Amino acid sequence: MTANDPRTLTNPATLHDPSPFGYSHAVSAPASGELVFIGGQYASDATGAPVPGDFAAQVELSFTNLRLALEGVGLGFQHVVRLGTYIVGHDLGKLEVLGKALRAAFGDRLPAQTLSGVASLALPGMLFEIDAVAVRPAD
């Protein structure tokens, strides 16, 4: 935990190493901080319409939109304690794509995460969606 990263990551030796899968088992942050909930971000244009593209392109744009949503409230990826990820037609190849995006965004300071394979998402053409819980450190 640092001033710029209020999170403490815990991966007990009694559990498997989750980092190759793109998450940490437990993440804590000081209770004095403010919780910020970021709604589902997907590969959308300025009007909210899904941007066509393959899975990797949609993941990349979704992470860009997540970063922009965080920046909109004065936060960054280092403030995220939990992610929810939703993948249409999940398979191991998609897990690899997601893992690369997680490493690009979070480095080795991975938040807690739950990945859900789903049949479909809110709008036709959406292949990926991500939401987040972040903590704004107390001043």
Protein backbone atom coordinates (compact mmCIF):
# COMPACT_ATOMS: atom_id res chain seq x y z
CA MET A 1 0.00 0.00 0.00
CA THR A 2 1.26 3.47 -0.92
CA ALA A 3 -0.26 6.93 -1.08
CA ASN A 4 -0.97 6.37 -4.78
CA ASP A 5 -2.18 2.79 -4.33
CA PRO A 6 -4.37 2.30 -1.24
CA ARG A 7 -4.80 -1.45 -1.79
CA THR A 8 -3.29 -4.37 0.07
CA LEU A 9 -3.27 -7.56 -2.01
CA THR A 10 -3.35 -10.94 -0.28
CA ASN A 11 -2.75 -14.29 -1.94
CA PRO A 12 -2.46 -16.88 0.84
CA ALA A 13 0.11 -19.63 0.36
CA THR A 14 -2.68 -22.09 1.25
CA LEU A 15 -4.43 -21.24 -2.06
CA HIS A 16 -3.21 -21.44 -5.66
CA ASP A 17 -1.39 -18.47 -7.21
CA PRO A 18 -4.17 -16.57 -9.00
CA SER A 19 -1.92 -14.08 -10.80
CA PRO A 20 -1.57 -16.16 -14.00
CA PHE A 21 -5.37 -15.99 -14.21
CA GLY A 22 -5.43 -12.19 -13.81
CA TYR A 23 -6.64 -11.60 -10.26
CA SER A 24 -5.79 -11.58 -6.55
CA HIS A 25 -7.65 -13.67 -3.96
CA ALA A 26 -8.26 -10.75 -1.60
CA VAL A 27 -7.83 -7.01 -1.81
CA SER A 28 -8.33 -4.60 1.06
CA ALA A 29 -8.25 -0.85 1.36
CA PRO A 30 -8.60 1.52 4.32
CA ALA A 31 -12.19 1.83 5.54
CA SER A 32 -11.74 5.60 5.69
CA GLY A 33 -11.83 5.75 1.88
CA GLU A 34 -14.86 6.33 -0.32
CA LEU A 35 -16.20 3.43 -2.40
CA VAL A 36 -16.75 4.26 -6.07
CA PHE A 37 -18.75 1.89 -8.26
CA ILE A 38 -18.09 1.96 -12.00
CA GLY A 39 -20.92 0.56 -14.12
CA GLY A 40 -20.36 -1.87 -16.95
CA GLN A 41 -17.99 -0.58 -19.60
CA TYR A 42 -17.98 -2.11 -23.07
CA ALA A 43 -16.60 -1.33 -26.51
CA SER A 44 -18.82 1.66 -27.24
CA ASP A 45 -18.57 4.82 -29.28
CA ALA A 46 -19.51 8.32 -28.07
CA THR A 47 -23.23 7.55 -28.56
CA GLY A 48 -23.11 4.32 -26.54
CA ALA A 49 -23.45 2.10 -29.58
CA PRO A 50 -21.32 -1.06 -29.50
CA VAL A 51 -18.27 -0.83 -31.75
CA PRO A 52 -18.00 -3.86 -34.00
CA GLY A 53 -14.82 -5.83 -33.74
CA ASP A 54 -13.29 -9.03 -32.63
CA PHE A 55 -13.04 -9.99 -28.98
CA ALA A 56 -9.52 -8.57 -28.47
CA ALA A 57 -10.49 -5.19 -29.94
CA GLN A 58 -13.59 -5.05 -27.75
CA VAL A 59 -11.57 -5.87 -24.62
CA GLU A 60 -9.05 -3.15 -25.43
CA LEU A 61 -11.72 -0.49 -25.95
CA SER A 62 -13.62 -1.64 -22.85
CA PHE A 63 -10.48 -1.15 -20.74
CA THR A 64 -9.99 2.28 -22.32
CA ASN A 65 -13.56 3.18 -21.36
CA LEU A 66 -13.01 1.85 -17.84
CA ARG A 67 -9.90 4.04 -17.53
CA LEU A 68 -11.87 7.07 -18.76
CA ALA A 69 -14.69 6.38 -16.27
CA LEU A 70 -12.14 6.13 -13.45
CA GLU A 71 -10.39 9.32 -14.56
CA GLY A 72 -13.79 11.03 -14.65
CA VAL A 73 -13.98 10.62 -10.87
CA GLY A 74 -10.31 11.40 -10.29
CA LEU A 75 -9.12 7.82 -9.91
CA GLY A 76 -6.99 5.31 -11.80
CA PHE A 77 -6.51 1.58 -12.13
CA GLN A 78 -4.44 1.62 -8.92
CA HIS A 79 -7.63 2.41 -6.97
CA VAL A 80 -9.62 -0.59 -8.26
CA VAL A 81 -10.21 -3.30 -5.65
CA ARG A 82 -12.66 -5.51 -7.55
CA LEU A 83 -13.62 -6.25 -11.15
CA GLY A 84 -16.55 -8.08 -12.66
CA THR A 85 -15.85 -9.34 -16.17
CA TYR A 86 -18.43 -10.80 -18.53
CA ILE A 87 -17.46 -12.76 -21.64
CA VAL A 88 -19.85 -14.01 -24.30
CA GLY A 89 -18.94 -17.59 -25.25
CA HIS A 90 -16.01 -17.77 -22.83
CA ASP A 91 -13.11 -20.09 -23.69
CA LEU A 92 -9.41 -20.35 -22.80
CA GLY A 93 -8.34 -18.24 -25.79
CA LYS A 94 -10.49 -15.38 -24.51
CA LEU A 95 -9.01 -15.82 -21.04
CA GLU A 96 -5.55 -15.27 -22.53
CA VAL A 97 -6.70 -12.05 -24.24
CA LEU A 98 -8.24 -10.82 -20.98
CA GLY A 99 -5.08 -11.70 -19.05
CA LYS A 100 -2.97 -9.52 -21.35
CA ALA A 101 -5.35 -6.59 -20.92
CA LEU A 102 -5.32 -7.00 -17.14
CA ARG A 103 -1.51 -7.02 -17.06
CA ALA A 104 -1.39 -3.92 -19.27
CA ALA A 105 -3.78 -2.07 -16.94
CA PHE A 106 -2.70 -3.36 -13.52
CA GLY A 107 0.80 -4.81 -13.91
CA ASP A 108 1.38 -7.24 -11.06
CA ARG A 109 -1.02 -5.37 -8.70
CA LEU A 110 -4.13 -7.28 -9.77
CA PRO A 111 -7.51 -6.59 -8.15
CA ALA A 112 -9.94 -9.24 -7.00
CA GLN A 113 -12.04 -10.39 -9.95
CA THR A 114 -14.93 -12.61 -10.86
CA LEU A 115 -15.23 -13.69 -14.49
CA SER A 116 -18.62 -14.81 -15.76
CA GLY A 117 -19.15 -16.58 -19.05
CA VAL A 118 -22.50 -15.45 -20.43
CA ALA A 119 -24.76 -16.27 -23.39
CA SER A 120 -25.26 -12.60 -24.28
CA LEU A 121 -24.90 -9.06 -22.98
CA ALA A 122 -27.19 -6.01 -23.04
CA LEU A 123 -26.82 -5.05 -26.72
CA PRO A 124 -26.34 -7.10 -29.89
CA GLY A 125 -22.68 -7.37 -30.85
CA MET A 126 -21.29 -6.94 -27.34
CA LEU A 127 -18.71 -9.65 -26.60
CA PHE A 128 -17.20 -8.26 -23.37
CA GLU A 129 -18.14 -6.01 -20.45
CA ILE A 130 -16.30 -4.98 -17.29
CA ASP A 131 -17.39 -3.22 -14.11
CA ALA A 132 -15.33 -2.12 -11.13
CA VAL A 133 -15.31 -1.11 -7.49
CA ALA A 134 -12.63 1.42 -6.59
CA VAL A 135 -11.60 3.16 -3.39
CA ARG A 136 -10.87 6.88 -3.20
CA PRO A 137 -8.34 7.29 -0.38
CA ALA A 138 -9.27 9.64 2.46
CA ASP A 139 -7.30 12.89 2.41
